[in-house]
């Protein structure tokens, strides 16, 4: 009984952390798509 409870809690924890990792990485990709305009002083012309 104790081993089954531990296994269930471990699977639930791993699933939750995997969900968080996917959510955070997806939001980081959206922020990575934003490209602000480069200042004139930094441009190489």
PDB file of N, CA and C in Angstrom:
ATOM      1  N   UNK A   1       0.821  -1.194   0.000  1.00  0.00           N
ATOM      2  CA  UNK A   1       0.000   0.000   0.000  1.00  0.00           C
ATOM      3  C   UNK A   1       0.867   1.261   0.000  1.00  0.00           C
ATOM      4  N   UNK A   2       1.916   1.264   0.832  1.00  0.00           N
ATOM      5  CA  UNK A   2       2.797   2.421   0.936  1.00  0.00           C
ATOM      6  C   UNK A   2       3.572   2.638  -0.364  1.00  0.00           C
ATOM      7  N   UNK A   3       4.015   1.544  -0.970  1.00  0.00           N
ATOM      8  CA  UNK A   3       4.770   1.650  -2.218  1.00  0.00           C
ATOM      9  C   UNK A   3       3.882   2.178  -3.347  1.00  0.00           C
ATOM     10  N   UNK A   4       2.638   1.738  -3.391  1.00  0.00           N
ATOM     11  CA  UNK A   4       1.724   2.188  -4.443  1.00  0.00           C
ATOM     12  C   UNK A   4       1.421   3.681  -4.288  1.00  0.00           C
ATOM     13  N   UNK A   5       1.241   4.148  -3.061  1.00  0.00           N
ATOM     14  CA  UNK A   5       0.990   5.568  -2.803  1.00  0.00           C
ATOM     15  C   UNK A   5       2.202   6.397  -3.214  1.00  0.00           C
ATOM     16  N   UNK A   6       3.387   5.940  -2.874  1.00  0.00           N
ATOM     17  CA  UNK A   6       4.608   6.648  -3.255  1.00  0.00           C
ATOM     18  C   UNK A   6       4.742   6.721  -4.774  1.00  0.00           C
ATOM     19  N   UNK A   7       4.485   5.633  -5.460  1.00  0.00           N
ATOM     20  CA  UNK A   7       4.585   5.603  -6.914  1.00  0.00           C
ATOM     21  C   UNK A   7       3.578   6.562  -7.549  1.00  0.00           C
ATOM     22  N   UNK A   8       2.355   6.565  -7.036  1.00  0.00           N
ATOM     23  CA  UNK A   8       1.326   7.461  -7.562  1.00  0.00           C
ATOM     24  C   UNK A   8       1.720   8.922  -7.353  1.00  0.00           C
ATOM     25  N   UNK A   9       2.233   9.250  -6.177  1.00  0.00           N
ATOM     26  CA  UNK A   9       2.656  10.624  -5.894  1.00  0.00           C
ATOM     27  C   UNK A   9       3.845  11.022  -6.771  1.00  0.00           C
ATOM     28  N   UNK A  10       4.764  10.098  -7.010  1.00  0.00           N
ATOM     29  CA  UNK A  10       5.918  10.389  -7.858  1.00  0.00           C
ATOM     30  C   UNK A  10       5.471  10.659  -9.296  1.00  0.00           C
ATOM     31  N   UNK A  11       4.565   9.856  -9.815  1.00  0.00           N
ATOM     32  CA  UNK A  11       4.064  10.053 -11.180  1.00  0.00           C
ATOM     33  C   UNK A  11       3.323  11.376 -11.289  1.00  0.00           C
ATOM     34  N   UNK A  12       2.526  11.694 -10.288  1.00  0.00           N
ATOM     35  CA  UNK A  12       1.801  12.961 -10.286  1.00  0.00           C
ATOM     36  C   UNK A  12       2.767  14.145 -10.253  1.00  0.00           C
ATOM     37  N   UNK A  13       3.794  14.060  -9.430  1.00  0.00           N
ATOM     38  CA  UNK A  13       4.791  15.125  -9.348  1.00  0.00           C
ATOM     39  C   UNK A  13       5.549  15.322 -10.649  1.00  0.00           C
ATOM     40  N   UNK A  14       5.967  14.230 -11.253  1.00  0.00           N
ATOM     41  CA  UNK A  14       6.693  14.312 -12.522  1.00  0.00           C
ATOM     42  C   UNK A  14       5.802  14.904 -13.610  1.00  0.00           C
ATOM     43  N   UNK A  15       4.549  14.504 -13.637  1.00  0.00           N
ATOM     44  CA  UNK A  15       3.622  15.034 -14.630  1.00  0.00           C
ATOM     45  C   UNK A  15       3.403  16.536 -14.442  1.00  0.00           C
ATOM     46  N   UNK A  16       3.274  16.953 -13.200  1.00  0.00           N
ATOM     47  CA  UNK A  16       3.059  18.364 -12.912  1.00  0.00           C
ATOM     48  C   UNK A  16       4.271  19.198 -13.306  1.00  0.00           C
ATOM     49  N   UNK A  17       5.471  18.741 -12.947  1.00  0.00           N
ATOM     50  CA  UNK A  17       6.673  19.482 -13.309  1.00  0.00           C
ATOM     51  C   UNK A  17       6.901  19.498 -14.822  1.00  0.00           C
ATOM     52  N   UNK A  18       6.544  18.436 -15.510  1.00  0.00           N
ATOM     53  CA  UNK A  18       6.661  18.411 -16.969  1.00  0.00           C
ATOM     54  C   UNK A  18       5.704  19.424 -17.591  1.00  0.00           C
ATOM     55  N   UNK A  19       4.493  19.486 -17.067  1.00  0.00           N
ATOM     56  CA  UNK A  19       3.520  20.472 -17.553  1.00  0.00           C
ATOM     57  C   UNK A  19       4.046  21.895 -17.344  1.00  0.00           C
ATOM     58  N   UNK A  20       4.603  22.175 -16.159  1.00  0.00           N
ATOM     59  CA  UNK A  20       5.160  23.505 -15.897  1.00  0.00           C
ATOM     60  C   UNK A  20       6.315  23.816 -16.847  1.00  0.00           C
ATOM     61  N   UNK A  21       7.173  22.858 -17.096  1.00  0.00           N
ATOM     62  CA  UNK A  21       8.314  23.076 -17.987  1.00  0.00           C
ATOM     63  C   UNK A  21       7.851  23.400 -19.403  1.00  0.00           C
ATOM     64  N   UNK A  22       6.857  22.706 -19.883  1.00  0.00           N
ATOM     65  CA  UNK A  22       6.339  22.974 -21.225  1.00  0.00           C
ATOM     66  C   UNK A  22       5.669  24.336 -21.285  1.00  0.00           C
ATOM     67  N   UNK A  23       4.934  24.697 -20.251  1.00  0.00           N
ATOM     68  CA  UNK A  23       4.262  25.993 -20.222  1.00  0.00           C
ATOM     69  C   UNK A  23       5.272  27.134 -20.211  1.00  0.00           C
ATOM     70  N   UNK A  24       6.295  27.011 -19.398  1.00  0.00           N
ATOM     71  CA  UNK A  24       7.300  28.073 -19.301  1.00  0.00           C
ATOM     72  C   UNK A  24       8.103  28.185 -20.593  1.00  0.00           C
ATOM     73  N   UNK A  25       8.449  27.072 -21.193  1.00  0.00           N
ATOM     74  CA  UNK A  25       9.234  27.137 -22.432  1.00  0.00           C
ATOM     75  C   UNK A  25       8.405  27.703 -23.578  1.00  0.00           C
ATOM     76  N   UNK A  26       7.110  27.435 -23.598  1.00  0.00           N
ATOM     77  CA  UNK A  26       6.257  27.984 -24.651  1.00  0.00           C
ATOM     78  C   UNK A  26       6.139  29.492 -24.511  1.00  0.00           C
ATOM     79  N   UNK A  27       6.013  29.991 -23.288  1.00  0.00           N
ATOM     80  CA  UNK A  27       5.924  31.435 -23.099  1.00  0.00           C
ATOM     81  C   UNK A  27       7.247  32.107 -23.425  1.00  0.00           C
ATOM     82  N   UNK A  28       8.365  31.434 -23.170  1.00  0.00           N
ATOM     83  CA  UNK A  28       9.670  31.996 -23.499  1.00  0.00           C
ATOM     84  C   UNK A  28       9.832  32.120 -25.014  1.00  0.00           C
ATOM     85  N   UNK A  29       9.271  31.193 -25.756  1.00  0.00           N
ATOM     86  CA  UNK A  29       9.348  31.270 -27.215  1.00  0.00           C
ATOM     87  C   UNK A  29       8.558  32.460 -27.744  1.00  0.00           C
ATOM     88  N   UNK A  30       7.429  32.755 -27.107  1.00  0.00           N
ATOM     89  CA  UNK A  30       6.640  33.914 -27.532  1.00  0.00           C
ATOM     90  C   UNK A  30       7.397  35.208 -27.263  1.00  0.00           C
ATOM     91  N   UNK A  31       8.072  35.284 -26.121  1.00  0.00           N
ATOM     92  CA  UNK A  31       8.859  36.472 -25.828  1.00  0.00           C
ATOM     93  C   UNK A  31      10.077  36.559 -26.742  1.00  0.00           C
ATOM     94  N   UNK A  32      10.615  35.425 -27.159  1.00  0.00           N
ATOM     95  CA  UNK A  32      11.765  35.419 -28.047  1.00  0.00           C
ATOM     96  C   UNK A  32      11.437  35.889 -29.444  1.00  0.00           C
ATOM     97  N   UNK A  33      10.179  35.850 -29.829  1.00  0.00           N
ATOM     98  CA  UNK A  33       9.771  36.309 -31.156  1.00  0.00           C
ATOM     99  C   UNK A  33       9.745  37.829 -31.235  1.00  0.00           C
ATOM    100  N   UNK A  34       9.726  38.509 -30.088  1.00  0.00           N
ATOM    101  CA  UNK A  34       9.700  39.969 -30.058  1.00  0.00           C
ATOM    102  C   UNK A  34      11.089  40.511 -30.355  1.00  0.00           C
ATOM    103  N   UNK A  35      11.227  41.322 -31.385  1.00  0.00           N
ATOM    104  CA  UNK A  35      12.501  41.926 -31.757  1.00  0.00           C
ATOM    105  C   UNK A  35      12.343  43.445 -31.761  1.00  0.00           C
ATOM    106  N   UNK A  36      12.858  44.120 -30.744  1.00  0.00           N
ATOM    107  CA  UNK A  36      12.734  45.576 -30.709  1.00  0.00           C
ATOM    108  C   UNK A  36      13.620  46.229 -31.765  1.00  0.00           C
ATOM    109  N   UNK A  37      13.308  47.475 -32.079  1.00  0.00           N
ATOM    110  CA  UNK A  37      14.094  48.188 -33.083  1.00  0.00           C
ATOM    111  C   UNK A  37      15.475  48.501 -32.513  1.00  0.00           C
ATOM    112  N   UNK A  38      16.491  48.334 -33.337  1.00  0.00           N
ATOM    113  CA  UNK A  38      17.866  48.562 -32.914  1.00  0.00           C
ATOM    114  C   UNK A  38      18.145  50.063 -32.885  1.00  0.00           C
ATOM    115  N   UNK A  39      18.779  50.580 -31.818  1.00  0.00           N
ATOM    116  CA  UNK A  39      19.087  52.007 -31.746  1.00  0.00           C
ATOM    117  C   UNK A  39      20.073  52.415 -32.860  1.00  0.00           C
ATOM    118  N   UNK A  40      19.975  53.662 -33.294  1.00  0.00           N
ATOM    119  CA  UNK A  40      20.823  54.151 -34.388  1.00  0.00           C
ATOM    120  C   UNK A  40      22.312  54.074 -34.031  1.00  0.00           C
ATOM    121  N   UNK A  41      22.642  54.285 -32.769  1.00  0.00           N
ATOM    122  CA  UNK A  41      24.050  54.264 -32.365  1.00  0.00           C
ATOM    123  C   UNK A  41      24.678  52.878 -32.432  1.00  0.00           C
ATOM    124  N   UNK A  42      23.863  51.839 -32.429  1.00  0.00           N
ATOM    125  CA  UNK A  42      24.399  50.475 -32.482  1.00  0.00           C
ATOM    126  C   UNK A  42      24.391  49.872 -33.884  1.00  0.00           C
ATOM    127  N   UNK A  43      23.810  50.564 -34.827  1.00  0.00           N
ATOM    128  CA  UNK A  43      23.727  50.039 -36.200  1.00  0.00           C
ATOM    129  C   UNK A  43      25.065  50.157 -36.904  1.00  0.00           C
ATOM    130  N   UNK A  44      25.368  49.126 -37.685  1.00  0.00           N
ATOM    131  CA  UNK A  44      26.575  49.162 -38.532  1.00  0.00           C
ATOM    132  C   UNK A  44      26.120  49.485 -39.948  1.00  0.00           C
ATOM    133  N   UNK A  45      26.506  50.637 -40.412  1.00  0.00           N
ATOM    134  CA  UNK A  45      26.081  51.042 -41.768  1.00  0.00           C
ATOM    135  C   UNK A  45      27.259  51.178 -42.683  1.00  0.00           C
TER     136      UNK A  45
END
